[in-house]
Amino acid sequence: MPAQGCIVRAAMSQQERQLRSRLTQIVSGLGIIRGNLLERERVCGNPGCRCTRGQKHRGVYLCLRKDGKYRQLYIPKEYELLVGQWVANHQQIRQLLKELGEVYWQKVKQRQG
């Protein structure tokens, strides 16, 4: 039975090599965080503030479900782009894993090692 743990790169299909390479690049060099970014506007309550005249305060929050509860974490303006990229990296990894899983599904289906 060919249940080997080590996979020889030369035996991989081009699609498999590309997916693994893209996964490795993201995981090894970039930040990753699960969640979604949510932009909200709010009124602060200060009677003299511009938000009482319609110019609401903008805030970005990282939202995720953790331990069965929804959690939100405020993201300061200077971190918005960075955290946004981390969220995008996580979503890209999930998609790549889905595609790679399909490659291996086909291998098992065709009884290839």
PDB file of N, CA and C in Angstrom:
ATOM      1  N   MET A   1       0.843  -1.185   0.000  1.00  0.00           N
ATOM      2  CA  MET A   1       0.000   0.000   0.000  1.00  0.00           C
ATOM      3  C   MET A   1       0.885   1.244   0.000  1.00  0.00           C
ATOM      4  N   PRO A   2       0.709   2.172  -0.933  1.00  0.00           N
ATOM      5  CA  PRO A   2       1.594   3.321  -1.063  1.00  0.00           C
ATOM      6  C   PRO A   2       1.235   4.477  -0.138  1.00  0.00           C
ATOM      7  N   ALA A   3       1.228   4.253   1.149  1.00  0.00           N
ATOM      8  CA  ALA A   3       0.903   5.322   2.098  1.00  0.00           C
ATOM      9  C   ALA A   3       2.185   5.948   2.621  1.00  0.00           C
ATOM     10  N   GLN A   4       2.918   6.587   1.762  1.00  0.00           N
ATOM     11  CA  GLN A   4       4.169   7.250   2.112  1.00  0.00           C
ATOM     12  C   GLN A   4       3.872   8.645   2.644  1.00  0.00           C
ATOM     13  N   GLY A   5       4.586   9.080   3.659  1.00  0.00           N
ATOM     14  CA  GLY A   5       4.399  10.411   4.206  1.00  0.00           C
ATOM     15  C   GLY A   5       5.105  11.481   3.388  1.00  0.00           C
ATOM     16  N   CYS A   6       6.220  11.136   2.789  1.00  0.00           N
ATOM     17  CA  CYS A   6       7.031  12.094   2.043  1.00  0.00           C
ATOM     18  C   CYS A   6       6.594  12.123   0.581  1.00  0.00           C
ATOM     19  N   ILE A   7       6.370  13.319   0.068  1.00  0.00           N
ATOM     20  CA  ILE A   7       5.943  13.467  -1.314  1.00  0.00           C
ATOM     21  C   ILE A   7       7.112  14.028  -2.115  1.00  0.00           C
ATOM     22  N   VAL A   8       7.465  13.342  -3.180  1.00  0.00           N
ATOM     23  CA  VAL A   8       8.554  13.778  -4.042  1.00  0.00           C
ATOM     24  C   VAL A   8       8.014  14.839  -4.994  1.00  0.00           C
ATOM     25  N   ARG A   9       8.672  16.000  -4.996  1.00  0.00           N
ATOM     26  CA  ARG A   9       8.200  17.127  -5.799  1.00  0.00           C
ATOM     27  C   ARG A   9       8.098  16.773  -7.283  1.00  0.00           C
ATOM     28  N   ALA A  10       9.007  15.986  -7.779  1.00  0.00           N
ATOM     29  CA  ALA A  10       8.995  15.616  -9.200  1.00  0.00           C
ATOM     30  C   ALA A  10       7.771  14.783  -9.560  1.00  0.00           C
ATOM     31  N   ALA A  11       7.197  14.105  -8.577  1.00  0.00           N
ATOM     32  CA  ALA A  11       6.025  13.271  -8.840  1.00  0.00           C
ATOM     33  C   ALA A  11       4.722  14.070  -8.775  1.00  0.00           C
ATOM     34  N   MET A  12       4.807  15.332  -8.381  1.00  0.00           N
ATOM     35  CA  MET A  12       3.607  16.159  -8.262  1.00  0.00           C
ATOM     36  C   MET A  12       3.200  16.716  -9.624  1.00  0.00           C
ATOM     37  N   SER A  13       1.907  16.940  -9.775  1.00  0.00           N
ATOM     38  CA  SER A  13       1.425  17.613 -10.975  1.00  0.00           C
ATOM     39  C   SER A  13       1.816  19.092 -10.895  1.00  0.00           C
ATOM     40  N   GLN A  14       1.776  19.763 -12.017  1.00  0.00           N
ATOM     41  CA  GLN A  14       2.120  21.188 -12.039  1.00  0.00           C
ATOM     42  C   GLN A  14       1.146  21.980 -11.166  1.00  0.00           C
ATOM     43  N   GLN A  15      -0.137  21.632 -11.214  1.00  0.00           N
ATOM     44  CA  GLN A  15      -1.129  22.318 -10.396  1.00  0.00           C
ATOM     45  C   GLN A  15      -0.818  22.159  -8.912  1.00  0.00           C
ATOM     46  N   GLU A  16      -0.460  20.945  -8.510  1.00  0.00           N
ATOM     47  CA  GLU A  16      -0.129  20.682  -7.105  1.00  0.00           C
ATOM     48  C   GLU A  16       1.099  21.475  -6.674  1.00  0.00           C
ATOM     49  N   ARG A  17       2.130  21.511  -7.510  1.00  0.00           N
ATOM     50  CA  ARG A  17       3.336  22.273  -7.186  1.00  0.00           C
ATOM     51  C   ARG A  17       3.034  23.758  -7.037  1.00  0.00           C
ATOM     52  N   GLN A  18       2.217  24.297  -7.939  1.00  0.00           N
ATOM     53  CA  GLN A  18       1.877  25.720  -7.880  1.00  0.00           C
ATOM     54  C   GLN A  18       1.088  26.049  -6.617  1.00  0.00           C
ATOM     55  N   LEU A  19       0.108  25.220  -6.282  1.00  0.00           N
ATOM     56  CA  LEU A  19      -0.692  25.463  -5.082  1.00  0.00           C
ATOM     57  C   LEU A  19       0.174  25.408  -3.828  1.00  0.00           C
ATOM     58  N   ARG A  20       1.038  24.391  -3.741  1.00  0.00           N
ATOM     59  CA  ARG A  20       1.919  24.256  -2.580  1.00  0.00           C
ATOM     60  C   ARG A  20       2.890  25.429  -2.486  1.00  0.00           C
ATOM     61  N   SER A  21       3.403  25.873  -3.626  1.00  0.00           N
ATOM     62  CA  SER A  21       4.343  26.994  -3.653  1.00  0.00           C
ATOM     63  C   SER A  21       3.661  28.271  -3.160  1.00  0.00           C
ATOM     64  N   ARG A  22       2.449  28.538  -3.639  1.00  0.00           N
ATOM     65  CA  ARG A  22       1.721  29.736  -3.215  1.00  0.00           C
ATOM     66  C   ARG A  22       1.401  29.676  -1.721  1.00  0.00           C
ATOM     67  N   LEU A  23       1.021  28.517  -1.227  1.00  0.00           N
ATOM     68  CA  LEU A  23       0.761  28.351   0.205  1.00  0.00           C
ATOM     69  C   LEU A  23       2.015  28.641   1.023  1.00  0.00           C
ATOM     70  N   THR A  24       3.129  28.079   0.608  1.00  0.00           N
ATOM     71  CA  THR A  24       4.391  28.260   1.322  1.00  0.00           C
ATOM     72  C   THR A  24       4.796  29.724   1.358  1.00  0.00           C
ATOM     73  N   GLN A  25       4.640  30.424   0.244  1.00  0.00           N
ATOM     74  CA  GLN A  25       5.000  31.837   0.186  1.00  0.00           C
ATOM     75  C   GLN A  25       4.192  32.659   1.185  1.00  0.00           C
ATOM     76  N   ILE A  26       2.911  32.388   1.256  1.00  0.00           N
ATOM     77  CA  ILE A  26       2.058  33.157   2.170  1.00  0.00           C
ATOM     78  C   ILE A  26       2.371  32.821   3.621  1.00  0.00           C
ATOM     79  N   VAL A  27       2.436  31.532   3.921  1.00  0.00           N
ATOM     80  CA  VAL A  27       2.618  31.101   5.309  1.00  0.00           C
ATOM     81  C   VAL A  27       3.993  31.482   5.848  1.00  0.00           C
ATOM     82  N   SER A  28       5.013  31.405   5.025  1.00  0.00           N
ATOM     83  CA  SER A  28       6.365  31.623   5.529  1.00  0.00           C
ATOM     84  C   SER A  28       6.753  33.093   5.669  1.00  0.00           C
ATOM     85  N   GLY A  29       6.093  33.979   4.948  1.00  0.00           N
ATOM     86  CA  GLY A  29       6.582  35.348   4.984  1.00  0.00           C
ATOM     87  C   GLY A  29       5.594  36.424   5.353  1.00  0.00           C
ATOM     88  N   LEU A  30       4.327  36.092   5.456  1.00  0.00           N
ATOM     89  CA  LEU A  30       3.326  37.129   5.666  1.00  0.00           C
ATOM     90  C   LEU A  30       2.465  36.839   6.886  1.00  0.00           C
ATOM     91  N   GLY A  31       1.848  37.873   7.422  1.00  0.00           N
ATOM     92  CA  GLY A  31       0.945  37.700   8.550  1.00  0.00           C
ATOM     93  C   GLY A  31      -0.374  37.090   8.119  1.00  0.00           C
ATOM     94  N   ILE A  32      -1.005  36.403   9.047  1.00  0.00           N
ATOM     95  CA  ILE A  32      -2.274  35.728   8.779  1.00  0.00           C
ATOM     96  C   ILE A  32      -3.177  35.938   9.981  1.00  0.00           C
ATOM     97  N   ILE A  33      -4.412  36.327   9.731  1.00  0.00           N
ATOM     98  CA  ILE A  33      -5.369  36.442  10.823  1.00  0.00           C
ATOM     99  C   ILE A  33      -6.771  36.101  10.304  1.00  0.00           C
ATOM    100  N   ARG A  34      -7.494  35.344  11.109  1.00  0.00           N
ATOM    101  CA  ARG A  34      -8.855  34.946  10.756  1.00  0.00           C
ATOM    102  C   ARG A  34      -9.810  36.054  11.167  1.00  0.00           C
ATOM    103  N   GLY A  35     -10.794  36.307  10.342  1.00  0.00           N
ATOM    104  CA  GLY A  35     -11.809  37.293  10.664  1.00  0.00           C
ATOM    105  C   GLY A  35     -12.193  38.110   9.444  1.00  0.00           C
ATOM    106  N   ASN A  36     -13.028  39.093   9.679  1.00  0.00           N
ATOM    107  CA  ASN A  36     -13.461  40.017   8.638  1.00  0.00           C
ATOM    108  C   ASN A  36     -13.347  41.432   9.176  1.00  0.00           C
ATOM    109  N   LEU A  37     -13.078  42.363   8.278  1.00  0.00           N
ATOM    110  CA  LEU A  37     -13.038  43.767   8.679  1.00  0.00           C
ATOM    111  C   LEU A  37     -14.408  44.393   8.468  1.00  0.00           C
ATOM    112  N   LEU A  38     -14.834  45.142   9.459  1.00  0.00           N
ATOM    113  CA  LEU A  38     -16.125  45.811   9.425  1.00  0.00           C
ATOM    114  C   LEU A  38     -15.889  47.296   9.667  1.00  0.00           C
ATOM    115  N   GLU A  39     -16.431  48.125   8.791  1.00  0.00           N
ATOM    116  CA  GLU A  39     -16.323  49.576   8.963  1.00  0.00           C
ATOM    117  C   GLU A  39     -17.638  50.092   9.535  1.00  0.00           C
ATOM    118  N   ARG A  40     -17.525  50.873  10.606  1.00  0.00           N
ATOM    119  CA  ARG A  40     -18.712  51.425  11.254  1.00  0.00           C
ATOM    120  C   ARG A  40     -18.565  52.926  11.414  1.00  0.00           C
ATOM    121  N   GLU A  41     -19.695  53.598  11.448  1.00  0.00           N
ATOM    122  CA  GLU A  41     -19.730  55.026  11.731  1.00  0.00           C
ATOM    123  C   GLU A  41     -20.585  55.221  12.973  1.00  0.00           C
ATOM    124  N   ARG A  42     -20.148  56.142  13.841  1.00  0.00           N
ATOM    125  CA  ARG A  42     -20.885  56.314  15.088  1.00  0.00           C
ATOM    126  C   ARG A  42     -20.863  57.776  15.523  1.00  0.00           C
ATOM    127  N   VAL A  43     -21.739  58.063  16.469  1.00  0.00           N
ATOM    128  CA  VAL A  43     -21.819  59.375  17.103  1.00  0.00           C
ATOM    129  C   VAL A  43     -21.213  59.226  18.497  1.00  0.00           C
ATOM    130  N   CYS A  44     -20.332  60.151  18.876  1.00  0.00           N
ATOM    131  CA  CYS A  44     -19.621  60.031  20.150  1.00  0.00           C
ATOM    132  C   CYS A  44     -20.429  60.512  21.350  1.00  0.00           C
ATOM    133  N   GLY A  45     -21.362  61.391  21.140  1.00  0.00           N
ATOM    134  CA  GLY A  45     -22.155  61.893  22.259  1.00  0.00           C
ATOM    135  C   GLY A  45     -21.759  63.283  22.735  1.00  0.00           C
ATOM    136  N   ASN A  46     -20.627  63.783  22.280  1.00  0.00           N
ATOM    137  CA  ASN A  46     -20.203  65.141  22.648  1.00  0.00           C
ATOM    138  C   ASN A  46     -21.102  66.130  21.896  1.00  0.00           C
ATOM    139  N   PRO A  47     -21.837  67.001  22.600  1.00  0.00           N
ATOM    140  CA  PRO A  47     -22.796  67.898  21.934  1.00  0.00           C
ATOM    141  C   PRO A  47     -22.156  68.878  20.946  1.00  0.00           C
ATOM    142  N   GLY A  48     -20.897  69.237  21.128  1.00  0.00           N
ATOM    143  CA  GLY A  48     -20.249  70.181  20.222  1.00  0.00           C
ATOM    144  C   GLY A  48     -19.480  69.519  19.089  1.00  0.00           C
ATOM    145  N   CYS A  49     -19.522  68.225  19.004  1.00  0.00           N
ATOM    146  CA  CYS A  49     -18.726  67.496  17.999  1.00  0.00           C
ATOM    147  C   CYS A  49     -19.396  67.529  16.626  1.00  0.00           C
ATOM    148  N   ARG A  50     -18.580  67.404  15.605  1.00  0.00           N
ATOM    149  CA  ARG A  50     -19.065  67.399  14.222  1.00  0.00           C
ATOM    150  C   ARG A  50     -19.996  66.214  13.941  1.00  0.00           C
ATOM    151  N   CYS A  51     -19.857  65.135  14.744  1.00  0.00           N
ATOM    152  CA  CYS A  51     -20.679  63.945  14.499  1.00  0.00           C
ATOM    153  C   CYS A  51     -22.161  64.220  14.770  1.00  0.00           C
ATOM    154  N   THR A  52     -22.459  65.200  15.586  1.00  0.00           N
ATOM    155  CA  THR A  52     -23.862  65.548  15.837  1.00  0.00           C
ATOM    156  C   THR A  52     -24.482  66.272  14.646  1.00  0.00           C
ATOM    157  N   ARG A  53     -23.631  66.755  13.731  1.00  0.00           N
ATOM    158  CA  ARG A  53     -24.103  67.439  12.524  1.00  0.00           C
ATOM    159  C   ARG A  53     -24.018  66.540  11.293  1.00  0.00           C
ATOM    160  N   GLY A  54     -23.815  65.251  11.522  1.00  0.00           N
ATOM    161  CA  GLY A  54     -23.852  64.308  10.400  1.00  0.00           C
ATOM    162  C   GLY A  54     -22.510  63.749   9.971  1.00  0.00           C
ATOM    163  N   GLN A  55     -21.395  64.324  10.424  1.00  0.00           N
ATOM    164  CA  GLN A  55     -20.072  63.817  10.049  1.00  0.00           C
ATOM    165  C   GLN A  55     -19.619  62.813  11.111  1.00  0.00           C
ATOM    166  N   LYS A  56     -20.102  61.604  10.987  1.00  0.00           N
ATOM    167  CA  LYS A  56     -19.864  60.591  12.015  1.00  0.00           C
ATOM    168  C   LYS A  56     -18.405  60.127  12.051  1.00  0.00           C
ATOM    169  N   HIS A  57     -18.021  59.583  13.205  1.00  0.00           N
ATOM    170  CA  HIS A  57     -16.677  59.026  13.384  1.00  0.00           C
ATOM    171  C   HIS A  57     -16.619  57.649  12.737  1.00  0.00           C
ATOM    172  N   ARG A  58     -15.583  57.411  11.961  1.00  0.00           N
ATOM    173  CA  ARG A  58     -15.391  56.140  11.264  1.00  0.00           C
ATOM    174  C   ARG A  58     -14.453  55.271  12.080  1.00  0.00           C
ATOM    175  N   GLY A  59     -14.773  53.988  12.154  1.00  0.00           N
ATOM    176  CA  GLY A  59     -13.911  53.041  12.844  1.00  0.00           C
ATOM    177  C   GLY A  59     -13.920  51.705  12.122  1.00  0.00           C
ATOM    178  N   VAL A  60     -12.797  51.021  12.150  1.00  0.00           N
ATOM    179  CA  VAL A  60     -12.680  49.698  11.533  1.00  0.00           C
ATOM    180  C   VAL A  60     -12.459  48.683  12.647  1.00  0.00           C
ATOM    181  N   TYR A  61     -13.172  47.567  12.539  1.00  0.00           N
ATOM    182  CA  TYR A  61     -13.110  46.522  13.553  1.00  0.00           C
ATOM    183  C   TYR A  61     -12.821  45.180  12.895  1.00  0.00           C
ATOM    184  N   LEU A  62     -12.008  44.374  13.567  1.00  0.00           N
ATOM    185  CA  LEU A  62     -11.779  43.001  13.154  1.00  0.00           C
ATOM    186  C   LEU A  62     -12.818  42.159  13.877  1.00  0.00           C
ATOM    187  N   CYS A  63     -13.619  41.428  13.130  1.00  0.00           N
ATOM    188  CA  CYS A  63     -14.716  40.658  13.701  1.00  0.00           C
ATOM    189  C   CYS A  63     -14.500  39.176  13.430  1.00  0.00           C
ATOM    190  N   LEU A  64     -14.748  38.371  14.461  1.00  0.00           N
ATOM    191  CA  LEU A  64     -14.687  36.922  14.285  1.00  0.00           C
ATOM    192  C   LEU A  64     -15.495  36.244  15.365  1.00  0.00           C
ATOM    193  N   ARG A  65     -15.831  35.007  15.102  1.00  0.00           N
ATOM    194  CA  ARG A  65     -16.565  34.205  16.082  1.00  0.00           C
ATOM    195  C   ARG A  65     -15.542  33.349  16.810  1.00  0.00           C
ATOM    196  N   LYS A  66     -15.507  33.485  18.132  1.00  0.00           N
ATOM    197  CA  LYS A  66     -14.531  32.764  18.946  1.00  0.00           C
ATOM    198  C   LYS A  66     -15.243  32.225  20.174  1.00  0.00           C
ATOM    199  N   ASP A  67     -15.070  30.951  20.448  1.00  0.00           N
ATOM    200  CA  ASP A  67     -15.712  30.304  21.596  1.00  0.00           C
ATOM    201  C   ASP A  67     -17.228  30.486  21.581  1.00  0.00           C
ATOM    202  N   GLY A  68     -17.818  30.441  20.393  1.00  0.00           N
ATOM    203  CA  GLY A  68     -19.259  30.549  20.259  1.00  0.00           C
ATOM    204  C   GLY A  68     -19.811  31.955  20.382  1.00  0.00           C
ATOM    205  N   LYS A  69     -18.940  32.939  20.504  1.00  0.00           N
ATOM    206  CA  LYS A  69     -19.383  34.327  20.638  1.00  0.00           C
ATOM    207  C   LYS A  69     -18.716  35.182  19.568  1.00  0.00           C
ATOM    208  N   TYR A  70     -19.427  36.220  19.149  1.00  0.00           N
ATOM    209  CA  TYR A  70     -18.837  37.149  18.202  1.00  0.00           C
ATOM    210  C   TYR A  70     -17.955  38.140  18.957  1.00  0.00           C
ATOM    211  N   ARG A  71     -16.754  38.329  18.448  1.00  0.00           N
ATOM    212  CA  ARG A  71     -15.792  39.249  19.053  1.00  0.00           C
ATOM    213  C   ARG A  71     -15.454  40.344  18.043  1.00  0.00           C
ATOM    214  N   GLN A  72     -15.218  41.541  18.561  1.00  0.00           N
ATOM    215  CA  GLN A  72     -14.793  42.660  17.731  1.00  0.00           C
ATOM    216  C   GLN A  72     -13.598  43.322  18.383  1.00  0.00           C
ATOM    217  N   LEU A  73     -12.646  43.686  17.557  1.00  0.00           N
ATOM    218  CA  LEU A  73     -11.448  44.359  18.043  1.00  0.00           C
ATOM    219  C   LEU A  73     -11.240  45.605  17.194  1.00  0.00           C
ATOM    220  N   TYR A  74     -11.166  46.751  17.837  1.00  0.00           N
ATOM    221  CA  TYR A  74     -10.938  48.008  17.117  1.00  0.00           C
ATOM    222  C   TYR A  74      -9.555  47.982  16.482  1.00  0.00           C
ATOM    223  N   ILE A  75      -9.478  48.419  15.237  1.00  0.00           N
ATOM    224  CA  ILE A  75      -8.202  48.487  14.511  1.00  0.00           C
ATOM    225  C   ILE A  75      -7.869  49.962  14.296  1.00  0.00           C
ATOM    226  N   PRO A  76      -6.776  50.445  14.899  1.00  0.00           N
ATOM    227  CA  PRO A  76      -6.371  51.842  14.679  1.00  0.00           C
ATOM    228  C   PRO A  76      -6.077  52.102  13.197  1.00  0.00           C
ATOM    229  N   LYS A  77      -6.286  53.329  12.787  1.00  0.00           N
ATOM    230  CA  LYS A  77      -6.127  53.716  11.383  1.00  0.00           C
ATOM    231  C   LYS A  77      -4.779  53.285  10.804  1.00  0.00           C
ATOM    232  N   GLU A  78      -3.709  53.419  11.585  1.00  0.00           N
ATOM    233  CA  GLU A  78      -2.374  53.090  11.062  1.00  0.00           C
ATOM    234  C   GLU A  78      -2.173  51.581  10.842  1.00  0.00           C
ATOM    235  N   TYR A  79      -3.076  50.746  11.365  1.00  0.00           N
ATOM    236  CA  TYR A  79      -2.969  49.297  11.185  1.00  0.00           C
ATOM    237  C   TYR A  79      -3.991  48.737  10.201  1.00  0.00           C
ATOM    238  N   GLU A  80      -4.870  49.577   9.680  1.00  0.00           N
ATOM    239  CA  GLU A  80      -5.950  49.090   8.821  1.00  0.00           C
ATOM    240  C   GLU A  80      -5.453  48.338   7.593  1.00  0.00           C
ATOM    241  N   LEU A  81      -4.493  48.895   6.868  1.00  0.00           N
ATOM    242  CA  LEU A  81      -3.987  48.230   5.659  1.00  0.00           C
ATOM    243  C   LEU A  81      -3.288  46.916   5.999  1.00  0.00           C
ATOM    244  N   LEU A  82      -2.481  46.931   7.041  1.00  0.00           N
ATOM    245  CA  LEU A  82      -1.752  45.730   7.433  1.00  0.00           C
ATOM    246  C   LEU A  82      -2.705  44.614   7.850  1.00  0.00           C
ATOM    247  N   VAL A  83      -3.649  44.924   8.721  1.00  0.00           N
ATOM    248  CA  VAL A  83      -4.602  43.913   9.178  1.00  0.00           C
ATOM    249  C   VAL A  83      -5.486  43.456   8.012  1.00  0.00           C
ATOM    250  N   GLY A  84      -5.838  44.369   7.135  1.00  0.00           N
ATOM    251  CA  GLY A  84      -6.604  44.009   5.940  1.00  0.00           C
ATOM    252  C   GLY A  84      -5.861  43.001   5.078  1.00  0.00           C
ATOM    253  N   GLN A  85      -4.550  43.176   4.948  1.00  0.00           N
ATOM    254  CA  GLN A  85      -3.739  42.233   4.169  1.00  0.00           C
ATOM    255  C   GLN A  85      -3.672  40.876   4.871  1.00  0.00           C
ATOM    256  N   TRP A  86      -3.554  40.882   6.195  1.00  0.00           N
ATOM    257  CA  TRP A  86      -3.524  39.627   6.951  1.00  0.00           C
ATOM    258  C   TRP A  86      -4.827  38.850   6.780  1.00  0.00           C
ATOM    259  N   VAL A  87      -5.941  39.574   6.815  1.00  0.00           N
ATOM    260  CA  VAL A  87      -7.246  38.922   6.614  1.00  0.00           C
ATOM    261  C   VAL A  87      -7.327  38.337   5.210  1.00  0.00           C
ATOM    262  N   ALA A  88      -6.884  39.101   4.212  1.00  0.00           N
ATOM    263  CA  ALA A  88      -6.890  38.625   2.823  1.00  0.00           C
ATOM    264  C   ALA A  88      -5.993  37.399   2.672  1.00  0.00           C
ATOM    265  N   ASN A  89      -4.839  37.388   3.359  1.00  0.00           N
ATOM    266  CA  ASN A  89      -3.937  36.231   3.303  1.00  0.00           C
ATOM    267  C   ASN A  89      -4.627  34.992   3.858  1.00  0.00           C
ATOM    268  N   HIS A  90      -5.341  35.135   4.955  1.00  0.00           N
ATOM    269  CA  HIS A  90      -6.053  34.000   5.548  1.00  0.00           C
ATOM    270  C   HIS A  90      -7.100  33.462   4.585  1.00  0.00           C
ATOM    271  N   GLN A  91      -7.833  34.355   3.950  1.00  0.00           N
ATOM    272  CA  GLN A  91      -8.857  33.932   2.998  1.00  0.00           C
ATOM    273  C   GLN A  91      -8.233  33.242   1.787  1.00  0.00           C
ATOM    274  N   GLN A  92      -7.084  33.740   1.352  1.00  0.00           N
ATOM    275  CA  GLN A  92      -6.395  33.123   0.213  1.00  0.00           C
ATOM    276  C   GLN A  92      -5.880  31.735   0.589  1.00  0.00           C
ATOM    277  N   ILE A  93      -5.368  31.586   1.788  1.00  0.00           N
ATOM    278  CA  ILE A  93      -4.895  30.279   2.252  1.00  0.00           C
ATOM    279  C   ILE A  93      -6.042  29.280   2.290  1.00  0.00           C
ATOM    280  N   ARG A  94      -7.179  29.710   2.799  1.00  0.00           N
ATOM    281  CA  ARG A  94      -8.345  28.809   2.835  1.00  0.00           C
ATOM    282  C   ARG A  94      -8.723  28.337   1.434  1.00  0.00           C
ATOM    283  N   GLN A  95      -8.698  29.255   0.467  1.00  0.00           N
ATOM    284  CA  GLN A  95      -9.033  28.896  -0.909  1.00  0.00           C
ATOM    285  C   GLN A  95      -7.999  27.945  -1.494  1.00  0.00           C
ATOM    286  N   LEU A  96      -6.717  28.220  -1.254  1.00  0.00           N
ATOM    287  CA  LEU A  96      -5.663  27.345  -1.769  1.00  0.00           C
ATOM    288  C   LEU A  96      -5.758  25.942  -1.157  1.00  0.00           C
ATOM    289  N   LEU A  97      -6.053  25.862   0.134  1.00  0.00           N
ATOM    290  CA  LEU A  97      -6.212  24.560   0.782  1.00  0.00           C
ATOM    291  C   LEU A  97      -7.391  23.798   0.202  1.00  0.00           C
ATOM    292  N   LYS A  98      -8.445  24.514  -0.113  1.00  0.00           N
ATOM    293  CA  LYS A  98      -9.610  23.885  -0.740  1.00  0.00           C
ATOM    294  C   LYS A  98      -9.224  23.295  -2.099  1.00  0.00           C
ATOM    295  N   GLU A  99      -8.490  24.063  -2.890  1.00  0.00           N
ATOM    296  CA  GLU A  99      -8.058  23.595  -4.208  1.00  0.00           C
ATOM    297  C   GLU A  99      -7.092  22.420  -4.083  1.00  0.00           C
ATOM    298  N   LEU A 100      -6.159  22.501  -3.132  1.00  0.00           N
ATOM    299  CA  LEU A 100      -5.202  21.418  -2.933  1.00  0.00           C
ATOM    300  C   LEU A 100      -5.914  20.159  -2.452  1.00  0.00           C
ATOM    301  N   GLY A 101      -6.902  20.328  -1.591  1.00  0.00           N
ATOM    302  CA  GLY A 101      -7.693  19.188  -1.143  1.00  0.00           C
ATOM    303  C   GLY A 101      -8.394  18.501  -2.303  1.00  0.00           C
ATOM    304  N   GLU A 102      -8.844  19.278  -3.267  1.00  0.00           N
ATOM    305  CA  GLU A 102      -9.491  18.702  -4.456  1.00  0.00           C
ATOM    306  C   GLU A 102      -8.495  17.898  -5.283  1.00  0.00           C
ATOM    307  N   VAL A 103      -7.259  18.380  -5.380  1.00  0.00           N
ATOM    308  CA  VAL A 103      -6.219  17.634  -6.105  1.00  0.00           C
ATOM    309  C   VAL A 103      -6.023  16.263  -5.456  1.00  0.00           C
ATOM    310  N   TYR A 104      -5.930  16.247  -4.127  1.00  0.00           N
ATOM    311  CA  TYR A 104      -5.718  14.982  -3.424  1.00  0.00           C
ATOM    312  C   TYR A 104      -6.970  14.105  -3.448  1.00  0.00           C
ATOM    313  N   TRP A 105      -8.144  14.709  -3.471  1.00  0.00           N
ATOM    314  CA  TRP A 105      -9.379  13.947  -3.616  1.00  0.00           C
ATOM    315  C   TRP A 105      -9.345  13.158  -4.928  1.00  0.00           C
ATOM    316  N   GLN A 106      -8.933  13.851  -5.991  1.00  0.00           N
ATOM    317  CA  GLN A 106      -8.847  13.190  -7.299  1.00  0.00           C
ATOM    318  C   GLN A 106      -7.805  12.068  -7.292  1.00  0.00           C
ATOM    319  N   LYS A 107      -6.684  12.276  -6.594  1.00  0.00           N
ATOM    320  CA  LYS A 107      -5.658  11.230  -6.507  1.00  0.00           C
ATOM    321  C   LYS A 107      -6.197   9.986  -5.825  1.00  0.00           C
ATOM    322  N   VAL A 108      -6.910  10.190  -4.712  1.00  0.00           N
ATOM    323  CA  VAL A 108      -7.486   9.057  -3.998  1.00  0.00           C
ATOM    324  C   VAL A 108      -8.541   8.370  -4.863  1.00  0.00           C
ATOM    325  N   LYS A 109      -9.332   9.176  -5.516  1.00  0.00           N
ATOM    326  CA  LYS A 109     -10.391   8.648  -6.383  1.00  0.00           C
ATOM    327  C   LYS A 109      -9.803   7.799  -7.513  1.00  0.00           C
ATOM    328  N   GLN A 110      -8.661   8.227  -8.042  1.00  0.00           N
ATOM    329  CA  GLN A 110      -8.016   7.512  -9.147  1.00  0.00           C
ATOM    330  C   GLN A 110      -6.998   6.495  -8.645  1.00  0.00           C
ATOM    331  N   ARG A 111      -6.872   6.368  -7.310  1.00  0.00           N
ATOM    332  CA  ARG A 111      -5.958   5.413  -6.660  1.00  0.00           C
ATOM    333  C   ARG A 111      -4.497   5.675  -7.034  1.00  0.00           C
ATOM    334  N   GLN A 112      -4.162   6.975  -7.053  1.00  0.00           N
ATOM    335  CA  GLN A 112      -2.780   7.366  -7.317  1.00  0.00           C
ATOM    336  C   GLN A 112      -2.091   7.683  -5.997  1.00  0.00           C
ATOM    337  N   GLY A 113      -0.765   7.593  -5.986  1.00  0.00           N
ATOM    338  CA  GLY A 113      -0.018   7.917  -4.772  1.00  0.00           C
ATOM    339  C   GLY A 113       0.693   9.146  -4.967  1.00  0.00           C
TER     340      GLY A 113
END
